[in-house]
Amino acid sequence: MEIKTFLEAYHTHIFIWLGLAFLAIILETFVRKHVIGLWFAVSAAFSMLLALMHLKFTIQFIAFFVVSVIFILIDELYFKKISKG
């Protein structure tokens, strides 16, 4: 598959994000110490919605990265602070 074809194949992007969300949830069940897999699954679901809106893959990937970083930072800074008291 050529790069141009891949960037235009939105149905492929939907399956990529769906698969990544499923993989993140599966990995989250095995690693109980951190909740990072959950945030990747949420980010993948958000990127899948962007794929459904037929946005470019680069936008989907940037959104996945940004949303993941935001949720991980919130988890590390806010929720860890609450759990320590």
PDB file of N, CA and C in Angstrom:
ATOM      1  N   MET A   1       0.844  -1.170   0.000  1.00  0.00           N
ATOM      2  CA  MET A   1       0.000   0.000   0.000  1.00  0.00           C
ATOM      3  C   MET A   1       0.895   1.241   0.000  1.00  0.00           C
ATOM      4  N   GLU A   2       0.618   2.136  -0.889  1.00  0.00           N
ATOM      5  CA  GLU A   2       1.385   3.365  -0.977  1.00  0.00           C
ATOM      6  C   GLU A   2       1.000   4.306   0.160  1.00  0.00           C
ATOM      7  N   ILE A   3       1.890   5.234   0.445  1.00  0.00           N
ATOM      8  CA  ILE A   3       1.633   6.207   1.513  1.00  0.00           C
ATOM      9  C   ILE A   3       0.395   7.032   1.201  1.00  0.00           C
ATOM     10  N   LYS A   4       0.254   7.473  -0.035  1.00  0.00           N
ATOM     11  CA  LYS A   4      -0.897   8.295  -0.402  1.00  0.00           C
ATOM     12  C   LYS A   4      -2.190   7.513  -0.233  1.00  0.00           C
ATOM     13  N   THR A   5      -2.175   6.251  -0.621  1.00  0.00           N
ATOM     14  CA  THR A   5      -3.362   5.423  -0.477  1.00  0.00           C
ATOM     15  C   THR A   5      -3.676   5.207   1.001  1.00  0.00           C
ATOM     16  N   PHE A   6      -2.653   4.968   1.819  1.00  0.00           N
ATOM     17  CA  PHE A   6      -2.864   4.770   3.245  1.00  0.00           C
ATOM     18  C   PHE A   6      -3.442   6.019   3.895  1.00  0.00           C
ATOM     19  N   LEU A   7      -2.939   7.176   3.516  1.00  0.00           N
ATOM     20  CA  LEU A   7      -3.420   8.411   4.116  1.00  0.00           C
ATOM     21  C   LEU A   7      -4.855   8.718   3.725  1.00  0.00           C
ATOM     22  N   GLU A   8      -5.333   8.143   2.641  1.00  0.00           N
ATOM     23  CA  GLU A   8      -6.703   8.386   2.202  1.00  0.00           C
ATOM     24  C   GLU A   8      -7.661   7.267   2.606  1.00  0.00           C
ATOM     25  N   ALA A   9      -7.158   6.166   3.118  1.00  0.00           N
ATOM     26  CA  ALA A   9      -7.989   5.015   3.461  1.00  0.00           C
ATOM     27  C   ALA A   9      -8.494   5.152   4.892  1.00  0.00           C
ATOM     28  N   TYR A  10      -9.578   5.889   5.066  1.00  0.00           N
ATOM     29  CA  TYR A  10     -10.077   6.189   6.401  1.00  0.00           C
ATOM     30  C   TYR A  10     -10.613   4.954   7.114  1.00  0.00           C
ATOM     31  N   HIS A  11     -11.163   4.008   6.368  1.00  0.00           N
ATOM     32  CA  HIS A  11     -11.648   2.792   7.015  1.00  0.00           C
ATOM     33  C   HIS A  11     -10.501   2.003   7.634  1.00  0.00           C
ATOM     34  N   THR A  12      -9.324   2.066   7.026  1.00  0.00           N
ATOM     35  CA  THR A  12      -8.145   1.422   7.596  1.00  0.00           C
ATOM     36  C   THR A  12      -7.758   2.099   8.897  1.00  0.00           C
ATOM     37  N   HIS A  13      -7.856   3.412   8.947  1.00  0.00           N
ATOM     38  CA  HIS A  13      -7.511   4.147  10.161  1.00  0.00           C
ATOM     39  C   HIS A  13      -8.445   3.769  11.305  1.00  0.00           C
ATOM     40  N   ILE A  14      -9.711   3.580  11.010  1.00  0.00           N
ATOM     41  CA  ILE A  14     -10.671   3.197  12.039  1.00  0.00           C
ATOM     42  C   ILE A  14     -10.266   1.869  12.661  1.00  0.00           C
ATOM     43  N   PHE A  15      -9.878   0.917  11.833  1.00  0.00           N
ATOM     44  CA  PHE A  15      -9.472  -0.384  12.355  1.00  0.00           C
ATOM     45  C   PHE A  15      -8.143  -0.306  13.106  1.00  0.00           C
ATOM     46  N   ILE A  16      -7.257   0.573  12.688  1.00  0.00           N
ATOM     47  CA  ILE A  16      -5.994   0.762  13.410  1.00  0.00           C
ATOM     48  C   ILE A  16      -6.273   1.275  14.820  1.00  0.00           C
ATOM     49  N   TRP A  17      -7.104   2.300  14.956  1.00  0.00           N
ATOM     50  CA  TRP A  17      -7.402   2.865  16.270  1.00  0.00           C
ATOM     51  C   TRP A  17      -8.212   1.898  17.120  1.00  0.00           C
ATOM     52  N   LEU A  18      -9.118   1.177  16.497  1.00  0.00           N
ATOM     53  CA  LEU A  18      -9.899   0.177  17.235  1.00  0.00           C
ATOM     54  C   LEU A  18      -8.990  -0.926  17.763  1.00  0.00           C
ATOM     55  N   GLY A  19      -8.067  -1.377  16.942  1.00  0.00           N
ATOM     56  CA  GLY A  19      -7.123  -2.400  17.358  1.00  0.00           C
ATOM     57  C   GLY A  19      -6.197  -1.908  18.448  1.00  0.00           C
ATOM     58  N   LEU A  20      -5.741  -0.669  18.344  1.00  0.00           N
ATOM     59  CA  LEU A  20      -4.869  -0.107  19.368  1.00  0.00           C
ATOM     60  C   LEU A  20      -5.604   0.056  20.689  1.00  0.00           C
ATOM     61  N   ALA A  21      -6.855   0.475  20.640  1.00  0.00           N
ATOM     62  CA  ALA A  21      -7.650   0.590  21.872  1.00  0.00           C
ATOM     63  C   ALA A  21      -7.849  -0.777  22.508  1.00  0.00           C
ATOM     64  N   PHE A  22      -8.157  -1.776  21.696  1.00  0.00           N
ATOM     65  CA  PHE A  22      -8.350  -3.135  22.202  1.00  0.00           C
ATOM     66  C   PHE A  22      -7.055  -3.662  22.819  1.00  0.00           C
ATOM     67  N   LEU A  23      -5.931  -3.437  22.156  1.00  0.00           N
ATOM     68  CA  LEU A  23      -4.633  -3.874  22.666  1.00  0.00           C
ATOM     69  C   LEU A  23      -4.288  -3.176  23.978  1.00  0.00           C
ATOM     70  N   ALA A  24      -4.570  -1.890  24.074  1.00  0.00           N
ATOM     71  CA  ALA A  24      -4.288  -1.140  25.300  1.00  0.00           C
ATOM     72  C   ALA A  24      -5.140  -1.652  26.458  1.00  0.00           C
ATOM     73  N   ILE A  25      -6.381  -1.993  26.191  1.00  0.00           N
ATOM     74  CA  ILE A  25      -7.248  -2.535  27.244  1.00  0.00           C
ATOM     75  C   ILE A  25      -6.768  -3.908  27.682  1.00  0.00           C
ATOM     76  N   ILE A  26      -6.362  -4.738  26.743  1.00  0.00           N
ATOM     77  CA  ILE A  26      -5.834  -6.057  27.082  1.00  0.00           C
ATOM     78  C   ILE A  26      -4.567  -5.924  27.926  1.00  0.00           C
ATOM     79  N   LEU A  27      -3.661  -5.053  27.529  1.00  0.00           N
ATOM     80  CA  LEU A  27      -2.434  -4.847  28.302  1.00  0.00           C
ATOM     81  C   LEU A  27      -2.722  -4.257  29.678  1.00  0.00           C
ATOM     82  N   GLU A  28      -3.741  -3.442  29.771  1.00  0.00           N
ATOM     83  CA  GLU A  28      -4.113  -2.844  31.054  1.00  0.00           C
ATOM     84  C   GLU A  28      -4.574  -3.909  32.052  1.00  0.00           C
ATOM     85  N   THR A  29      -5.178  -4.970  31.559  1.00  0.00           N
ATOM     86  CA  THR A  29      -5.631  -6.027  32.465  1.00  0.00           C
ATOM     87  C   THR A  29      -4.452  -6.781  33.074  1.00  0.00           C
ATOM     88  N   PHE A  30      -3.323  -6.804  32.392  1.00  0.00           N
ATOM     89  CA  PHE A  30      -2.158  -7.516  32.908  1.00  0.00           C
ATOM     90  C   PHE A  30      -1.267  -6.639  33.793  1.00  0.00           C
ATOM     91  N   VAL A  31      -1.276  -5.351  33.572  1.00  0.00           N
ATOM     92  CA  VAL A  31      -0.447  -4.430  34.350  1.00  0.00           C
ATOM     93  C   VAL A  31      -1.382  -3.614  35.236  1.00  0.00           C
ATOM     94  N   ARG A  32      -1.458  -3.976  36.477  1.00  0.00           N
ATOM     95  CA  ARG A  32      -2.410  -3.339  37.397  1.00  0.00           C
ATOM     96  C   ARG A  32      -1.830  -2.146  38.154  1.00  0.00           C
ATOM     97  N   LYS A  33      -0.536  -1.960  38.117  1.00  0.00           N
ATOM     98  CA  LYS A  33       0.072  -0.911  38.930  1.00  0.00           C
ATOM     99  C   LYS A  33      -0.226   0.496  38.392  1.00  0.00           C
ATOM    100  N   HIS A  34      -0.221   0.659  37.098  1.00  0.00           N
ATOM    101  CA  HIS A  34      -0.473   1.960  36.481  1.00  0.00           C
ATOM    102  C   HIS A  34      -1.698   1.874  35.582  1.00  0.00           C
ATOM    103  N   VAL A  35      -2.306   3.017  35.333  1.00  0.00           N
ATOM    104  CA  VAL A  35      -3.521   3.067  34.519  1.00  0.00           C
ATOM    105  C   VAL A  35      -3.225   3.622  33.127  1.00  0.00           C
ATOM    106  N   ILE A  36      -1.994   3.543  32.696  1.00  0.00           N
ATOM    107  CA  ILE A  36      -1.585   4.165  31.439  1.00  0.00           C
ATOM    108  C   ILE A  36      -2.292   3.536  30.238  1.00  0.00           C
ATOM    109  N   GLY A  37      -2.495   2.240  30.256  1.00  0.00           N
ATOM    110  CA  GLY A  37      -3.181   1.579  29.146  1.00  0.00           C
ATOM    111  C   GLY A  37      -4.580   2.108  28.927  1.00  0.00           C
ATOM    112  N   LEU A  38      -5.252   2.460  30.012  1.00  0.00           N
ATOM    113  CA  LEU A  38      -6.592   3.032  29.900  1.00  0.00           C
ATOM    114  C   LEU A  38      -6.558   4.355  29.145  1.00  0.00           C
ATOM    115  N   TRP A  39      -5.559   5.172  29.439  1.00  0.00           N
ATOM    116  CA  TRP A  39      -5.470   6.470  28.768  1.00  0.00           C
ATOM    117  C   TRP A  39      -5.143   6.314  27.286  1.00  0.00           C
ATOM    118  N   PHE A  40      -4.328   5.308  26.951  1.00  0.00           N
ATOM    119  CA  PHE A  40      -4.072   5.045  25.534  1.00  0.00           C
ATOM    120  C   PHE A  40      -5.339   4.559  24.832  1.00  0.00           C
ATOM    121  N   ALA A  41      -6.149   3.771  25.526  1.00  0.00           N
ATOM    122  CA  ALA A  41      -7.404   3.297  24.938  1.00  0.00           C
ATOM    123  C   ALA A  41      -8.360   4.461  24.706  1.00  0.00           C
ATOM    124  N   VAL A  42      -8.443   5.375  25.657  1.00  0.00           N
ATOM    125  CA  VAL A  42      -9.299   6.558  25.497  1.00  0.00           C
ATOM    126  C   VAL A  42      -8.801   7.419  24.344  1.00  0.00           C
ATOM    127  N   SER A  43      -7.500   7.593  24.257  1.00  0.00           N
ATOM    128  CA  SER A  43      -6.922   8.387  23.171  1.00  0.00           C
ATOM    129  C   SER A  43      -7.158   7.738  21.810  1.00  0.00           C
ATOM    130  N   ALA A  44      -7.059   6.413  21.767  1.00  0.00           N
ATOM    131  CA  ALA A  44      -7.318   5.703  20.509  1.00  0.00           C
ATOM    132  C   ALA A  44      -8.781   5.830  20.111  1.00  0.00           C
ATOM    133  N   ALA A  45      -9.682   5.785  21.088  1.00  0.00           N
ATOM    134  CA  ALA A  45     -11.105   5.960  20.785  1.00  0.00           C
ATOM    135  C   ALA A  45     -11.369   7.365  20.247  1.00  0.00           C
ATOM    136  N   PHE A  46     -10.712   8.355  20.822  1.00  0.00           N
ATOM    137  CA  PHE A  46     -10.855   9.727  20.327  1.00  0.00           C
ATOM    138  C   PHE A  46     -10.326   9.846  18.899  1.00  0.00           C
ATOM    139  N   SER A  47      -9.183   9.234  18.642  1.00  0.00           N
ATOM    140  CA  SER A  47      -8.618   9.269  17.288  1.00  0.00           C
ATOM    141  C   SER A  47      -9.497   8.506  16.302  1.00  0.00           C
ATOM    142  N   MET A  48     -10.162   7.462  16.783  1.00  0.00           N
ATOM    143  CA  MET A  48     -11.081   6.728  15.917  1.00  0.00           C
ATOM    144  C   MET A  48     -12.266   7.615  15.521  1.00  0.00           C
ATOM    145  N   LEU A  49     -12.723   8.446  16.450  1.00  0.00           N
ATOM    146  CA  LEU A  49     -13.785   9.393  16.109  1.00  0.00           C
ATOM    147  C   LEU A  49     -13.318  10.394  15.057  1.00  0.00           C
ATOM    148  N   LEU A  50     -12.065  10.814  15.157  1.00  0.00           N
ATOM    149  CA  LEU A  50     -11.515  11.710  14.141  1.00  0.00           C
ATOM    150  C   LEU A  50     -11.421  11.005  12.792  1.00  0.00           C
ATOM    151  N   ALA A  51     -11.120   9.708  12.804  1.00  0.00           N
ATOM    152  CA  ALA A  51     -11.086   8.940  11.554  1.00  0.00           C
ATOM    153  C   ALA A  51     -12.477   8.826  10.958  1.00  0.00           C
ATOM    154  N   LEU A  52     -13.480   8.689  11.809  1.00  0.00           N
ATOM    155  CA  LEU A  52     -14.857   8.636  11.315  1.00  0.00           C
ATOM    156  C   LEU A  52     -15.281   9.958  10.672  1.00  0.00           C
ATOM    157  N   MET A  53     -14.640  11.050  11.096  1.00  0.00           N
ATOM    158  CA  MET A  53     -14.922  12.357  10.512  1.00  0.00           C
ATOM    159  C   MET A  53     -14.069  12.619   9.273  1.00  0.00           C
ATOM    160  N   HIS A  54     -13.300  11.605   8.843  1.00  0.00           N
ATOM    161  CA  HIS A  54     -12.460  11.664   7.635  1.00  0.00           C
ATOM    162  C   HIS A  54     -11.382  12.737   7.716  1.00  0.00           C
ATOM    163  N   LEU A  55     -10.799  12.904   8.907  1.00  0.00           N
ATOM    164  CA  LEU A  55      -9.661  13.800   9.036  1.00  0.00           C
ATOM    165  C   LEU A  55      -8.393  13.049   8.657  1.00  0.00           C
ATOM    166  N   LYS A  56      -7.356  13.768   8.320  1.00  0.00           N
ATOM    167  CA  LYS A  56      -6.102  13.144   7.889  1.00  0.00           C
ATOM    168  C   LYS A  56      -5.470  12.344   9.020  1.00  0.00           C
ATOM    169  N   PHE A  57      -4.677  11.336   8.633  1.00  0.00           N
ATOM    170  CA  PHE A  57      -4.052  10.466   9.624  1.00  0.00           C
ATOM    171  C   PHE A  57      -3.062  11.219  10.500  1.00  0.00           C
ATOM    172  N   THR A  58      -2.399  12.215   9.934  1.00  0.00           N
ATOM    173  CA  THR A  58      -1.461  12.985  10.752  1.00  0.00           C
ATOM    174  C   THR A  58      -2.189  13.723  11.879  1.00  0.00           C
ATOM    175  N   ILE A  59      -3.361  14.251  11.601  1.00  0.00           N
ATOM    176  CA  ILE A  59      -4.163  14.914  12.624  1.00  0.00           C
ATOM    177  C   ILE A  59      -4.615  13.901  13.667  1.00  0.00           C
ATOM    178  N   GLN A  60      -5.018  12.721  13.211  1.00  0.00           N
ATOM    179  CA  GLN A  60      -5.438  11.670  14.140  1.00  0.00           C
ATOM    180  C   GLN A  60      -4.290  11.270  15.059  1.00  0.00           C
ATOM    181  N   PHE A  61      -3.102  11.113  14.490  1.00  0.00           N
ATOM    182  CA  PHE A  61      -1.950  10.690  15.272  1.00  0.00           C
ATOM    183  C   PHE A  61      -1.533  11.768  16.266  1.00  0.00           C
ATOM    184  N   ILE A  62      -1.526  13.020  15.830  1.00  0.00           N
ATOM    185  CA  ILE A  62      -1.181  14.122  16.733  1.00  0.00           C
ATOM    186  C   ILE A  62      -2.199  14.203  17.867  1.00  0.00           C
ATOM    187  N   ALA A  63      -3.473  14.041  17.544  1.00  0.00           N
ATOM    188  CA  ALA A  63      -4.514  14.060  18.579  1.00  0.00           C
ATOM    189  C   ALA A  63      -4.325  12.904  19.551  1.00  0.00           C
ATOM    190  N   PHE A  64      -3.981  11.720  19.045  1.00  0.00           N
ATOM    191  CA  PHE A  64      -3.722  10.575  19.908  1.00  0.00           C
ATOM    192  C   PHE A  64      -2.585  10.880  20.865  1.00  0.00           C
ATOM    193  N   PHE A  65      -1.513  11.436  20.362  1.00  0.00           N
ATOM    194  CA  PHE A  65      -0.353  11.753  21.184  1.00  0.00           C
ATOM    195  C   PHE A  65      -0.688  12.810  22.233  1.00  0.00           C
ATOM    196  N   VAL A  66      -1.340  13.887  21.822  1.00  0.00           N
ATOM    197  CA  VAL A  66      -1.650  14.991  22.735  1.00  0.00           C
ATOM    198  C   VAL A  66      -2.622  14.545  23.823  1.00  0.00           C
ATOM    199  N   VAL A  67      -3.674  13.847  23.449  1.00  0.00           N
ATOM    200  CA  VAL A  67      -4.652  13.386  24.438  1.00  0.00           C
ATOM    201  C   VAL A  67      -4.008  12.395  25.402  1.00  0.00           C
ATOM    202  N   SER A  68      -3.164  11.514  24.898  1.00  0.00           N
ATOM    203  CA  SER A  68      -2.464  10.564  25.769  1.00  0.00           C
ATOM    204  C   SER A  68      -1.587  11.285  26.779  1.00  0.00           C
ATOM    205  N   VAL A  69      -0.818  12.253  26.327  1.00  0.00           N
ATOM    206  CA  VAL A  69       0.070  12.993  27.221  1.00  0.00           C
ATOM    207  C   VAL A  69      -0.739  13.763  28.268  1.00  0.00           C
ATOM    208  N   ILE A  70      -1.822  14.378  27.849  1.00  0.00           N
ATOM    209  CA  ILE A  70      -2.649  15.137  28.791  1.00  0.00           C
ATOM    210  C   ILE A  70      -3.206  14.221  29.879  1.00  0.00           C
ATOM    211  N   PHE A  71      -3.773  13.079  29.485  1.00  0.00           N
ATOM    212  CA  PHE A  71      -4.347  12.169  30.474  1.00  0.00           C
ATOM    213  C   PHE A  71      -3.276  11.562  31.383  1.00  0.00           C
ATOM    214  N   ILE A  72      -2.121  11.252  30.849  1.00  0.00           N
ATOM    215  CA  ILE A  72      -1.051  10.690  31.681  1.00  0.00           C
ATOM    216  C   ILE A  72      -0.540  11.735  32.668  1.00  0.00           C
ATOM    217  N   LEU A  73      -0.409  12.977  32.231  1.00  0.00           N
ATOM    218  CA  LEU A  73       0.010  14.037  33.145  1.00  0.00           C
ATOM    219  C   LEU A  73      -1.024  14.276  34.237  1.00  0.00           C
ATOM    220  N   ILE A  74      -2.290  14.286  33.875  1.00  0.00           N
ATOM    221  CA  ILE A  74      -3.346  14.438  34.879  1.00  0.00           C
ATOM    222  C   ILE A  74      -3.288  13.281  35.866  1.00  0.00           C
ATOM    223  N   ASP A  75      -3.093  12.082  35.353  1.00  0.00           N
ATOM    224  CA  ASP A  75      -3.015  10.913  36.218  1.00  0.00           C
ATOM    225  C   ASP A  75      -1.834  11.021  37.174  1.00  0.00           C
ATOM    226  N   GLU A  76      -0.689  11.377  36.660  1.00  0.00           N
ATOM    227  CA  GLU A  76       0.511  11.448  37.496  1.00  0.00           C
ATOM    228  C   GLU A  76       0.456  12.602  38.492  1.00  0.00           C
ATOM    229  N   LEU A  77      -0.007  13.751  38.062  1.00  0.00           N
ATOM    230  CA  LEU A  77       0.032  14.926  38.924  1.00  0.00           C
ATOM    231  C   LEU A  77      -1.156  15.014  39.882  1.00  0.00           C
ATOM    232  N   TYR A  78      -2.335  14.748  39.395  1.00  0.00           N
ATOM    233  CA  TYR A  78      -3.532  14.967  40.200  1.00  0.00           C
ATOM    234  C   TYR A  78      -3.928  13.742  41.017  1.00  0.00           C
ATOM    235  N   PHE A  79      -4.098  12.618  40.334  1.00  0.00           N
ATOM    236  CA  PHE A  79      -4.599  11.433  41.031  1.00  0.00           C
ATOM    237  C   PHE A  79      -3.573  10.851  41.990  1.00  0.00           C
ATOM    238  N   LYS A  80      -2.314  10.920  41.667  1.00  0.00           N
ATOM    239  CA  LYS A  80      -1.276  10.429  42.578  1.00  0.00           C
ATOM    240  C   LYS A  80      -1.199  11.315  43.818  1.00  0.00           C
ATOM    241  N   LYS A  81      -1.424  12.611  43.641  1.00  0.00           N
ATOM    242  CA  LYS A  81      -1.402  13.535  44.756  1.00  0.00           C
ATOM    243  C   LYS A  81      -2.579  13.256  45.692  1.00  0.00           C
ATOM    244  N   ILE A  82      -3.733  12.957  45.151  1.00  0.00           N
ATOM    245  CA  ILE A  82      -4.911  12.657  45.957  1.00  0.00           C
ATOM    246  C   ILE A  82      -4.718  11.352  46.726  1.00  0.00           C
ATOM    247  N   SER A  83      -4.151  10.346  46.075  1.00  0.00           N
ATOM    248  CA  SER A  83      -3.994   9.054  46.731  1.00  0.00           C
ATOM    249  C   SER A  83      -2.958   9.092  47.861  1.00  0.00           C
ATOM    250  N   LYS A  84      -1.999  10.017  47.795  1.00  0.00           N
ATOM    251  CA  LYS A  84      -1.005  10.140  48.861  1.00  0.00           C
ATOM    252  C   LYS A  84      -1.539  10.939  50.051  1.00  0.00           C
ATOM    253  N   GLY A  85      -2.592  11.688  49.833  1.00  0.00           N
ATOM    254  CA  GLY A  85      -3.201  12.417  50.933  1.00  0.00           C
ATOM    255  C   GLY A  85      -2.981  13.829  50.851  1.00  0.00           C
TER     256      GLY A  85
END
